[in-house]
Amino acid sequence: MASGDRARHRLSRSGDRQLNSVLHTIAVVQIRMPNSPGHTYYQRKLSEGKTPREAKRCLKRRLADHVWKVMLADERRAQPLAVTP
């Protein structure tokens, strides 16, 4: 099996490294906990034929999407309501 058979996606190394570190830690903890939704998602990705590294990357992306949605919801809650006359 040649390494040239795989499509490689070069990810940007820029961005919030501290946030990436936190997402990595969350992903690793969820992968290790058998009853967590993250573990189930990771196992599903492995069964789809992804490598462990690719499956972890998918889980981290899913976690990042969730964090982003929570941040947006928090921002909307923090904005004052417009008063109509």
N, C-alpha and C. Protein backbone atom coordinates (compact mmCIF):
# COMPACT_ATOMS: atom_id res chain seq x y z
N MET A 1 0.85 -1.17 0.00
CA MET A 1 0.00 0.00 0.00
C MET A 1 0.89 1.23 0.00
N ALA A 2 0.74 2.06 -0.99
CA ALA A 2 1.57 3.25 -1.12
C ALA A 2 0.91 4.43 -0.42
N SER A 3 1.74 5.30 0.12
CA SER A 3 1.20 6.48 0.79
C SER A 3 0.61 7.47 -0.21
N GLY A 4 0.94 7.32 -1.48
CA GLY A 4 0.41 8.20 -2.50
C GLY A 4 -1.06 7.95 -2.81
N ASP A 5 -1.61 6.86 -2.29
CA ASP A 5 -3.01 6.53 -2.54
C ASP A 5 -3.98 7.36 -1.71
N ARG A 6 -3.49 8.05 -0.71
CA ARG A 6 -4.35 8.81 0.20
C ARG A 6 -4.36 10.28 -0.17
N ALA A 7 -5.55 10.87 -0.09
CA ALA A 7 -5.67 12.32 -0.30
C ALA A 7 -5.32 13.00 1.01
N ARG A 8 -4.35 13.87 0.99
CA ARG A 8 -3.94 14.58 2.21
C ARG A 8 -4.48 16.00 2.16
N HIS A 9 -5.02 16.41 3.28
CA HIS A 9 -5.50 17.78 3.40
C HIS A 9 -4.56 18.52 4.34
N ARG A 10 -3.92 19.52 3.81
CA ARG A 10 -3.00 20.29 4.62
C ARG A 10 -3.80 21.36 5.36
N LEU A 11 -3.86 21.22 6.67
CA LEU A 11 -4.64 22.15 7.48
C LEU A 11 -3.78 23.33 7.87
N SER A 12 -4.44 24.46 8.03
CA SER A 12 -3.75 25.67 8.44
C SER A 12 -3.24 25.52 9.87
N ARG A 13 -2.01 25.90 10.11
CA ARG A 13 -1.44 25.84 11.45
C ARG A 13 -1.70 27.13 12.20
N SER A 14 -2.26 28.12 11.52
CA SER A 14 -2.56 29.37 12.19
C SER A 14 -3.88 29.23 12.95
N GLY A 15 -4.23 30.25 13.65
CA GLY A 15 -5.48 30.21 14.41
C GLY A 15 -5.21 30.21 15.90
N ASP A 16 -6.23 29.96 16.65
CA ASP A 16 -6.14 30.00 18.10
C ASP A 16 -5.58 28.68 18.60
N ARG A 17 -4.29 28.65 18.88
CA ARG A 17 -3.63 27.41 19.30
C ARG A 17 -4.12 26.95 20.66
N GLN A 18 -4.45 27.91 21.54
CA GLN A 18 -4.94 27.54 22.86
C GLN A 18 -6.30 26.86 22.75
N LEU A 19 -7.18 27.40 21.89
CA LEU A 19 -8.48 26.78 21.68
C LEU A 19 -8.31 25.40 21.05
N ASN A 20 -7.39 25.27 20.11
CA ASN A 20 -7.15 23.97 19.48
C ASN A 20 -6.68 22.95 20.51
N SER A 21 -5.85 23.39 21.43
CA SER A 21 -5.37 22.51 22.48
C SER A 21 -6.52 22.03 23.36
N VAL A 22 -7.43 22.93 23.70
CA VAL A 22 -8.59 22.57 24.51
C VAL A 22 -9.48 21.59 23.75
N LEU A 23 -9.73 21.84 22.48
CA LEU A 23 -10.56 20.93 21.68
C LEU A 23 -9.91 19.55 21.59
N HIS A 24 -8.60 19.52 21.48
CA HIS A 24 -7.89 18.25 21.42
C HIS A 24 -8.08 17.47 22.74
N THR A 25 -7.94 18.17 23.86
CA THR A 25 -8.10 17.54 25.16
C THR A 25 -9.51 16.99 25.33
N ILE A 26 -10.52 17.78 24.94
CA ILE A 26 -11.91 17.33 25.03
C ILE A 26 -12.12 16.10 24.16
N ALA A 27 -11.58 16.12 22.95
CA ALA A 27 -11.74 14.99 22.03
C ALA A 27 -11.11 13.72 22.60
N VAL A 28 -9.90 13.83 23.14
CA VAL A 28 -9.22 12.67 23.69
C VAL A 28 -10.00 12.10 24.88
N VAL A 29 -10.49 12.98 25.74
CA VAL A 29 -11.25 12.52 26.90
C VAL A 29 -12.54 11.82 26.44
N GLN A 30 -13.23 12.39 25.47
CA GLN A 30 -14.47 11.77 25.00
C GLN A 30 -14.20 10.44 24.31
N ILE A 31 -13.11 10.34 23.58
CA ILE A 31 -12.77 9.08 22.92
C ILE A 31 -12.53 7.99 23.96
N ARG A 32 -11.94 8.37 25.08
CA ARG A 32 -11.62 7.39 26.12
C ARG A 32 -12.82 6.99 26.98
N MET A 33 -13.90 7.76 26.93
CA MET A 33 -15.08 7.47 27.75
C MET A 33 -16.11 6.72 26.90
N PRO A 34 -16.32 5.43 27.15
CA PRO A 34 -17.15 4.59 26.28
C PRO A 34 -18.60 5.04 26.13
N ASN A 35 -19.17 5.71 27.11
CA ASN A 35 -20.59 6.08 27.03
C ASN A 35 -20.81 7.51 26.55
N SER A 36 -19.77 8.19 26.12
CA SER A 36 -19.93 9.59 25.69
C SER A 36 -20.37 9.65 24.22
N PRO A 37 -21.09 10.71 23.86
CA PRO A 37 -21.47 10.88 22.45
C PRO A 37 -20.25 11.00 21.54
N GLY A 38 -19.17 11.60 22.05
CA GLY A 38 -17.95 11.73 21.26
C GLY A 38 -17.33 10.39 20.92
N HIS A 39 -17.37 9.47 21.87
CA HIS A 39 -16.83 8.12 21.63
C HIS A 39 -17.64 7.41 20.55
N THR A 40 -18.96 7.53 20.65
CA THR A 40 -19.85 6.91 19.65
C THR A 40 -19.57 7.48 18.26
N TYR A 41 -19.43 8.80 18.17
CA TYR A 41 -19.15 9.47 16.90
C TYR A 41 -17.80 9.00 16.34
N TYR A 42 -16.78 8.93 17.21
CA TYR A 42 -15.44 8.49 16.81
C TYR A 42 -15.48 7.06 16.26
N GLN A 43 -16.18 6.18 16.98
CA GLN A 43 -16.29 4.78 16.53
C GLN A 43 -17.02 4.69 15.19
N ARG A 44 -18.03 5.52 14.99
CA ARG A 44 -18.76 5.52 13.72
C ARG A 44 -17.83 5.95 12.58
N LYS A 45 -17.00 6.94 12.81
CA LYS A 45 -16.06 7.39 11.79
C LYS A 45 -15.03 6.31 11.46
N LEU A 46 -14.59 5.59 12.49
CA LEU A 46 -13.65 4.49 12.25
C LEU A 46 -14.31 3.41 11.41
N SER A 47 -15.59 3.12 11.70
CA SER A 47 -16.29 2.07 10.94
C SER A 47 -16.56 2.51 9.50
N GLU A 48 -16.54 3.82 9.26
CA GLU A 48 -16.70 4.34 7.89
C GLU A 48 -15.40 4.24 7.09
N GLY A 49 -14.33 3.79 7.74
CA GLY A 49 -13.06 3.61 7.04
C GLY A 49 -12.05 4.71 7.27
N LYS A 50 -12.34 5.62 8.16
CA LYS A 50 -11.38 6.69 8.46
C LYS A 50 -10.28 6.13 9.36
N THR A 51 -9.10 6.72 9.26
CA THR A 51 -8.02 6.35 10.16
C THR A 51 -8.30 6.97 11.52
N PRO A 52 -7.66 6.48 12.58
CA PRO A 52 -7.88 7.10 13.89
C PRO A 52 -7.58 8.59 13.91
N ARG A 53 -6.57 8.99 13.20
CA ARG A 53 -6.22 10.42 13.13
C ARG A 53 -7.32 11.23 12.43
N GLU A 54 -7.83 10.69 11.33
CA GLU A 54 -8.91 11.37 10.60
C GLU A 54 -10.19 11.40 11.43
N ALA A 55 -10.47 10.31 12.14
CA ALA A 55 -11.68 10.26 12.97
C ALA A 55 -11.59 11.27 14.10
N LYS A 56 -10.40 11.41 14.69
CA LYS A 56 -10.22 12.39 15.76
C LYS A 56 -10.38 13.80 15.20
N ARG A 57 -9.88 14.04 14.00
CA ARG A 57 -10.02 15.35 13.37
C ARG A 57 -11.50 15.67 13.14
N CYS A 58 -12.28 14.68 12.72
CA CYS A 58 -13.73 14.86 12.52
C CYS A 58 -14.41 15.21 13.84
N LEU A 59 -14.03 14.51 14.91
CA LEU A 59 -14.61 14.78 16.22
C LEU A 59 -14.25 16.19 16.69
N LYS A 60 -13.00 16.60 16.48
CA LYS A 60 -12.59 17.94 16.88
C LYS A 60 -13.36 19.00 16.11
N ARG A 61 -13.62 18.74 14.84
CA ARG A 61 -14.39 19.69 14.03
C ARG A 61 -15.83 19.78 14.55
N ARG A 62 -16.40 18.63 14.90
CA ARG A 62 -17.76 18.62 15.46
C ARG A 62 -17.81 19.37 16.78
N LEU A 63 -16.80 19.18 17.62
CA LEU A 63 -16.73 19.91 18.89
C LEU A 63 -16.59 21.41 18.66
N ALA A 64 -15.76 21.78 17.69
CA ALA A 64 -15.57 23.20 17.38
C ALA A 64 -16.87 23.82 16.89
N ASP A 65 -17.63 23.10 16.07
CA ASP A 65 -18.92 23.60 15.61
C ASP A 65 -19.87 23.80 16.78
N HIS A 66 -19.86 22.87 17.72
CA HIS A 66 -20.73 22.99 18.90
C HIS A 66 -20.33 24.20 19.75
N VAL A 67 -19.04 24.37 19.98
CA VAL A 67 -18.56 25.51 20.77
C VAL A 67 -18.95 26.81 20.08
N TRP A 68 -18.84 26.87 18.76
CA TRP A 68 -19.19 28.07 18.02
C TRP A 68 -20.68 28.41 18.19
N LYS A 69 -21.54 27.40 18.10
CA LYS A 69 -22.97 27.62 18.28
C LYS A 69 -23.29 28.13 19.68
N VAL A 70 -22.61 27.57 20.68
CA VAL A 70 -22.82 28.02 22.06
C VAL A 70 -22.35 29.46 22.23
N MET A 71 -21.23 29.80 21.61
CA MET A 71 -20.73 31.17 21.69
C MET A 71 -21.70 32.15 21.05
N LEU A 72 -22.25 31.79 19.89
CA LEU A 72 -23.22 32.67 19.22
C LEU A 72 -24.48 32.84 20.06
N ALA A 73 -24.97 31.75 20.64
CA ALA A 73 -26.16 31.83 21.48
C ALA A 73 -25.90 32.70 22.70
N ASP A 74 -24.72 32.60 23.28
CA ASP A 74 -24.36 33.41 24.43
C ASP A 74 -24.29 34.89 24.05
N GLU A 75 -23.76 35.16 22.89
CA GLU A 75 -23.66 36.55 22.40
C GLU A 75 -25.05 37.13 22.19
N ARG A 76 -25.96 36.34 21.63
CA ARG A 76 -27.34 36.83 21.43
C ARG A 76 -28.02 37.11 22.75
N ARG A 77 -27.78 36.28 23.74
CA ARG A 77 -28.39 36.49 25.06
C ARG A 77 -27.83 37.74 25.72
N ALA A 78 -26.58 38.04 25.48
CA ALA A 78 -25.92 39.18 26.13
C ALA A 78 -26.34 40.51 25.50
N GLN A 79 -26.83 40.50 24.28
CA GLN A 79 -27.22 41.75 23.62
C GLN A 79 -28.52 42.26 24.26
N PRO A 80 -28.58 43.57 24.54
CA PRO A 80 -29.81 44.12 25.11
C PRO A 80 -30.94 44.08 24.09
N LEU A 81 -32.13 43.89 24.59
CA LEU A 81 -33.30 43.86 23.72
C LEU A 81 -33.61 45.27 23.23
N ALA A 82 -34.01 45.36 21.99
CA ALA A 82 -34.38 46.66 21.43
C ALA A 82 -35.75 47.06 21.97
N VAL A 83 -35.86 48.28 22.44
CA VAL A 83 -37.12 48.78 22.98
C VAL A 83 -37.86 49.50 21.86
N THR A 84 -39.08 49.06 21.61
CA THR A 84 -39.89 49.70 20.55
C THR A 84 -40.84 50.70 21.20
N PRO A 85 -40.95 51.90 20.64
CA PRO A 85 -41.84 52.91 21.22
C PRO A 85 -43.30 52.61 21.04
